[in-house]
Protein backbone atom coordinates (compact mmCIF):
# COMPACT_ATOMS: atom_id res chain seq x y z
CA UNK A 1 -4.65 -20.08 11.24
CA UNK A 2 -7.67 -17.38 12.00
CA UNK A 3 -4.82 -14.70 10.72
CA UNK A 4 -4.70 -17.05 6.90
CA UNK A 5 -8.60 -17.16 7.29
CA UNK A 6 -9.48 -13.54 7.84
CA UNK A 7 -6.90 -12.34 4.90
CA UNK A 8 -8.22 -15.13 2.26
CA UNK A 9 -12.07 -13.63 3.04
CA UNK A 10 -10.41 -10.17 2.70
CA UNK A 11 -9.03 -11.36 -0.67
CA UNK A 12 -12.33 -12.84 -1.65
CA UNK A 13 -14.31 -9.32 -0.75
CA UNK A 14 -12.12 -7.54 -3.39
CA UNK A 15 -12.51 -9.91 -5.79
CA UNK A 16 -16.02 -9.74 -5.28
CA UNK A 17 -16.24 -6.10 -5.42
CA UNK A 18 -14.36 -6.52 -8.81
CA UNK A 19 -16.18 -8.77 -10.03
CA UNK A 20 -19.51 -7.96 -9.90
CA UNK A 21 -18.30 -4.14 -11.17
CA UNK A 22 -16.91 -5.49 -14.11
CA UNK A 23 -20.35 -7.54 -14.70
CA UNK A 24 -22.17 -4.52 -14.60
CA UNK A 25 -19.91 -2.11 -17.17
CA UNK A 26 -20.53 -5.17 -19.39
CA UNK A 27 -23.96 -4.86 -18.89
CA UNK A 28 -24.03 -0.60 -19.51
CA UNK A 29 -22.13 -1.34 -22.58
CA UNK A 30 -23.75 -4.46 -24.16
CA UNK A 31 -20.82 -6.34 -24.12
CA UNK A 32 -21.83 -9.73 -23.96
CA UNK A 33 -20.23 -12.93 -23.39
CA UNK A 34 -18.98 -13.59 -26.94
CA UNK A 35 -17.52 -9.92 -27.06
CA UNK A 36 -14.09 -11.10 -26.43
CA UNK A 37 -12.52 -7.94 -27.80
CA UNK A 38 -14.54 -5.48 -25.04
CA UNK A 39 -13.84 -8.14 -22.35
CA UNK A 40 -10.65 -8.34 -22.96
CA UNK A 41 -10.24 -4.49 -22.71
CA UNK A 42 -12.52 -4.41 -19.34
CA UNK A 43 -9.97 -7.03 -18.19
CA UNK A 44 -7.15 -4.96 -19.21
CA UNK A 45 -8.44 -2.13 -17.52
CA UNK A 46 -8.99 -3.46 -14.42
CA UNK A 47 -6.38 -5.78 -14.26
CA UNK A 48 -4.04 -3.17 -14.58
CA UNK A 49 -5.73 -1.09 -12.48
CA UNK A 50 -6.54 -2.98 -9.49
CA UNK A 51 -2.56 -4.02 -9.42
CA UNK A 52 -1.60 0.06 -9.58
CA UNK A 53 -4.34 0.57 -7.09
CA UNK A 54 -2.93 -1.68 -4.88
CA UNK A 55 0.56 -0.34 -4.97
CA UNK A 56 -0.57 3.35 -4.63
CA UNK A 57 -2.23 2.40 -1.17
CA UNK A 58 0.90 0.23 -0.64
CA UNK A 59 2.50 2.06 1.95
CA UNK A 60 -0.61 2.83 3.26
CA UNK A 61 -1.30 -0.61 4.00
CA UNK A 62 1.95 -1.88 5.01
CA UNK A 63 2.16 0.32 8.01
CA UNK A 64 -1.16 -0.45 9.31
CA UNK A 65 -0.72 -4.54 9.03
CA UNK A 66 2.58 -4.19 11.02
CA UNK A 67 1.86 -1.36 13.23
CA UNK A 68 4.83 0.71 11.92
CA UNK A 69 5.22 4.17 13.52
CA UNK A 70 7.30 6.75 10.62
CA UNK A 71 10.31 8.45 12.19
CA UNK A 72 9.74 11.75 12.34
CA UNK A 73 12.66 13.09 14.80
CA UNK A 74 14.76 10.08 16.22
CA UNK A 75 14.02 9.51 20.13
CA UNK A 76 17.07 7.77 20.59
CA UNK A 77 20.51 6.58 19.37
CA UNK A 78 19.39 4.11 17.61
CA UNK A 79 16.42 5.27 15.60
CA UNK A 80 19.80 8.52 14.62
CA UNK A 81 21.39 5.47 13.41
CA UNK A 82 18.62 4.19 11.71
CA UNK A 83 17.60 7.29 10.08
CA UNK A 84 21.58 7.88 8.58
CA UNK A 85 21.50 4.79 7.49
CA UNK A 86 18.91 4.76 4.87
CA UNK A 87 19.87 8.35 4.27
CA UNK A 88 23.67 7.13 3.39
CA UNK A 89 22.25 4.24 1.22
CA UNK A 90 19.24 6.35 -0.78
CA UNK A 91 22.20 8.89 -1.59
CA UNK A 92 24.29 6.08 -2.93
CA UNK A 93 21.29 4.74 -4.42
CA UNK A 94 20.61 8.01 -5.89
CA UNK A 95 16.65 7.63 -5.25
CA UNK A 96 15.14 10.12 -2.56
CA UNK A 97 14.85 9.70 1.23
CA UNK A 98 12.15 7.14 1.83
CA UNK A 99 10.43 7.21 4.76
CA UNK A 100 11.54 5.17 7.52
CA UNK A 101 9.69 2.99 10.05
CA UNK A 102 9.80 1.01 12.79
CA UNK A 103 7.63 -1.63 14.16
CA UNK A 104 7.45 -3.77 17.27
CA UNK A 105 8.33 -7.20 16.55
CA UNK A 106 10.67 -10.35 17.82
CA UNK A 107 11.82 -11.72 14.56
CA UNK A 108 14.28 -9.70 12.72
CA UNK A 109 12.83 -8.76 9.38
CA UNK A 110 12.60 -5.51 6.83
CA UNK A 111 10.79 -4.48 4.03
CA UNK A 112 10.52 -2.01 1.40
CA UNK A 113 7.25 -0.80 -0.88
CA UNK A 114 5.97 2.27 -2.41
CA UNK A 115 5.06 3.33 -6.03
CA UNK A 116 7.71 5.68 -7.04
CA UNK A 117 11.70 5.23 -5.95
CA UNK A 118 10.98 8.41 -4.99
CA UNK A 119 8.58 8.33 -2.14
CA UNK A 120 9.06 4.62 -1.21
CA UNK A 121 9.21 3.50 2.52
CA UNK A 122 11.50 1.41 4.74
CA UNK A 123 10.35 -0.42 7.37
CA UNK A 124 12.51 -2.51 10.25
CA UNK A 125 11.26 -4.46 13.20
CA UNK A 126 12.46 -3.60 16.56
CA UNK A 127 14.20 -7.71 16.49
CA UNK A 128 16.07 -6.68 13.65
CA UNK A 129 17.70 -3.58 15.61
CA UNK A 130 17.98 -5.58 18.68
CA UNK A 131 19.49 -8.81 17.43
CA UNK A 132 22.12 -7.75 14.97
CA UNK A 133 25.11 -5.81 14.67
CA UNK A 134 25.37 -2.89 12.66
CA UNK A 135 27.30 -4.16 9.98
CA UNK A 136 24.62 -6.81 9.63
CA UNK A 137 21.61 -4.50 9.90
CA UNK A 138 23.35 -2.53 6.88
CA UNK A 139 23.13 -5.74 4.82
CA UNK A 140 19.50 -5.86 5.42
CA UNK A 141 19.03 -1.92 4.92
CA UNK A 142 20.93 -1.83 1.82
CA UNK A 143 18.99 -4.83 0.61
CA UNK A 144 15.69 -3.41 1.12
CA UNK A 145 16.94 -0.16 -0.80
CA UNK A 146 18.41 -2.00 -4.29
CA UNK A 147 14.60 -2.91 -3.88
CA UNK A 148 13.68 0.62 -4.01
CA UNK A 149 16.54 1.72 -6.91
CA UNK A 150 15.52 -1.24 -9.23
CA UNK A 151 11.56 -0.16 -9.28
CA UNK A 152 11.17 -3.74 -8.19
CA UNK A 153 7.38 -2.87 -7.08
CA UNK A 154 6.75 -1.25 -10.23
CA UNK A 155 7.85 -3.93 -12.25
CA UNK A 156 5.97 -6.91 -9.72
CA UNK A 157 2.81 -4.35 -10.17
CA UNK A 158 3.17 -5.20 -14.09
CA UNK A 159 2.99 -8.66 -13.95
CA UNK A 160 0.38 -8.38 -11.73
CA UNK A 161 -1.45 -6.35 -13.78
CA UNK A 162 -0.74 -8.80 -16.66
CA UNK A 163 -2.38 -11.79 -14.41
CA UNK A 164 -5.12 -9.87 -13.31
CA UNK A 165 -5.61 -9.33 -16.71
CA UNK A 166 -5.35 -12.87 -17.76
CA UNK A 167 -7.76 -14.12 -14.63
CA UNK A 168 -10.35 -11.69 -15.04
CA UNK A 169 -10.30 -12.71 -18.96
CA UNK A 170 -10.34 -16.05 -19.22
CA UNK A 171 -12.54 -16.38 -16.29
CA UNK A 172 -15.34 -15.32 -18.22
CA UNK A 173 -14.03 -17.03 -21.38
CA UNK A 174 -14.15 -20.48 -19.41
CA UNK A 175 -17.42 -19.27 -17.61
CA UNK A 176 -18.60 -18.67 -21.29
CA UNK A 177 -17.60 -22.46 -22.64
CA UNK A 178 -19.35 -23.53 -20.27
CA UNK A 179 -22.59 -21.67 -20.78
CA UNK A 180 -23.06 -23.23 -24.37
CA UNK A 181 -22.02 -26.05 -23.35
CA UNK A 182 -24.74 -26.60 -20.80
CA UNK A 183 -27.31 -25.19 -23.16
CA UNK A 184 -29.78 -27.17 -25.68
CA UNK A 185 -30.02 -26.92 -29.34
CA UNK A 186 -30.79 -23.49 -31.10
CA UNK A 187 -29.55 -22.00 -27.54
CA UNK A 188 -32.94 -22.84 -26.12
CA UNK A 189 -33.67 -23.84 -22.74
CA UNK A 190 -30.14 -25.31 -20.11
CA UNK A 191 -26.94 -22.82 -19.88
CA UNK A 192 -26.11 -21.09 -16.67
CA UNK A 193 -29.03 -18.35 -15.35
CA UNK A 194 -27.30 -14.89 -14.94
CA UNK A 195 -26.60 -15.58 -11.31
CA UNK A 196 -25.05 -18.85 -12.40
CA UNK A 197 -23.10 -17.16 -14.26
CA UNK A 198 -21.47 -15.12 -11.94
CA UNK A 199 -21.05 -18.03 -9.87
CA UNK A 200 -19.04 -19.96 -12.16
CA UNK A 201 -16.97 -16.54 -13.06
CA UNK A 202 -16.54 -15.93 -9.12
CA UNK A 203 -15.04 -19.27 -8.48
CA UNK A 204 -12.95 -19.17 -11.78
CA UNK A 205 -11.58 -16.00 -10.66
CA UNK A 206 -10.77 -17.65 -7.03
CA UNK A 207 -8.75 -20.55 -8.48
CA UNK A 208 -7.12 -18.21 -11.55
CA UNK A 209 -6.21 -15.96 -9.16
CA UNK A 210 -4.18 -18.54 -6.73
CA UNK A 211 -2.30 -19.58 -9.30
CA UNK A 212 -1.45 -16.26 -10.52
CA UNK A 213 -0.05 -15.71 -6.88
CA UNK A 214 2.09 -18.29 -7.34
CA UNK A 215 3.35 -16.93 -10.70
CA UNK A 216 3.97 -13.57 -9.11
CA UNK A 217 5.56 -14.82 -6.42
CA UNK A 218 7.89 -17.29 -8.35
CA UNK A 219 9.54 -13.91 -10.32
CA UNK A 220 9.69 -11.82 -7.28
CA UNK A 221 12.05 -14.87 -6.10
CA UNK A 222 13.85 -14.82 -9.08
CA UNK A 223 15.29 -10.85 -8.34
CA UNK A 224 15.90 -11.33 -4.36
CA UNK A 225 18.97 -13.05 -4.73
CA UNK A 226 21.56 -10.00 -3.88
CA UNK A 227 20.95 -10.04 -0.05
CA UNK A 228 24.45 -10.32 2.17
CA UNK A 229 25.49 -13.29 3.30
CA UNK A 230 26.28 -12.45 6.37
CA UNK A 231 23.08 -10.94 7.30
CA UNK A 232 21.07 -13.97 5.47
CA UNK A 233 23.16 -16.20 7.86
CA UNK A 234 22.04 -13.78 10.77
CA UNK A 235 18.53 -14.25 10.20
CA UNK A 236 18.41 -17.95 9.88
CA UNK A 237 18.72 -17.71 13.71
CA UNK A 238 15.81 -15.64 13.67
CA UNK A 239 12.68 -16.35 15.30
CA UNK A 240 9.83 -16.97 13.08
CA UNK A 241 8.39 -13.59 10.88
CA UNK A 242 5.31 -12.04 12.59
CA UNK A 243 4.53 -9.90 8.85
CA UNK A 244 0.77 -11.02 7.90
CA UNK A 245 -1.10 -11.76 4.94
CA UNK A 246 -0.15 -10.23 2.21
CA UNK A 247 2.78 -7.80 3.92
CA UNK A 248 4.12 -11.52 4.66
CA UNK A 249 5.73 -11.76 0.97
CA UNK A 250 7.16 -8.10 1.40
CA UNK A 251 9.38 -9.51 4.35
CA UNK A 252 13.09 -10.81 3.42
CA UNK A 253 12.70 -13.46 6.35
CA UNK A 254 9.85 -15.57 5.34
CA UNK A 255 10.22 -19.36 7.07
CA UNK A 256 6.95 -20.45 6.19
CA UNK A 257 7.27 -24.19 4.44
CA UNK A 258 2.96 -23.61 4.46
CA UNK A 259 2.89 -21.03 1.74
CA UNK A 260 6.21 -21.30 0.15
CA UNK A 261 4.78 -21.57 -3.24
CA UNK A 262 3.22 -18.15 -2.24
CA UNK A 263 6.36 -16.23 -1.26
CA UNK A 264 8.23 -13.88 -2.91
CA UNK A 265 11.25 -14.58 -1.20
CA UNK A 266 13.11 -17.96 -1.74
CA UNK A 267 14.54 -19.73 1.67
CA UNK A 268 17.17 -18.46 3.20
CA UNK A 269 19.11 -21.33 2.71
CA UNK A 270 18.78 -21.15 -1.12
CA UNK A 271 19.40 -17.66 -1.22
CA UNK A 272 22.88 -18.17 0.60
CA UNK A 273 24.50 -20.96 -1.48
CA UNK A 274 23.27 -19.27 -4.87
CA UNK A 275 25.53 -15.73 -3.64
CA UNK A 276 27.86 -18.29 -2.74
CA UNK A 277 27.75 -20.07 -6.02
CA UNK A 278 28.03 -16.99 -7.99
CA UNK A 279 30.88 -15.73 -6.06
């Protein structure tokens, strides 16, 4: 619960900074609450800008979130095998060699992220390497490399940018409607004051942001029916995922029912059935 609360507070702080910055720019450029064209332009810039900044920070955030260390020189046979396997799959996919990282966790999990398919990160948990056979682990690694090769992170960033644009635009549009509805005749008296207006915008951005996250996660789930059936069967018996916050969405193994609407990966049983049905 503490991890979830900290994650939510972090997101609230980010939204507050974006909201205040956008409000300042609206004042500087003289865009009032009815200037829909200018507002849409700023929403587009901030929406896609925020999404791409997150993408550029994704590798750094990933390593910090799970405490992963990048394997520069393999210290043992397992690390050497992992580097060789990632190299083989990335060469086969026609992409640059990703950074390969390990993080300490008993659950069997892995994820890939990065802004560029030739400069990505593949992170693997120690639990995966300790509890899976090499064949099963290769299936998971191949699954993650396919995400990199397909440019899934960039695709999801574009979707997120569209959602962010609508969140920023609609929050201020709805707040403007509320402001006009609460004014008296001839725009005298009533209405939302400056602080009240921005407070309403902030709350609306939080609500719409949650709904947008559900849409993005739904889109991501549609891209996840590619993993090896054998590896997925093995993952069913793993421990609960230790990935936190936003990184939970990247992990291949996500068994939390509480965040099912926000999960970027469909449940393992659903994925296995879909893969079998498609054969």
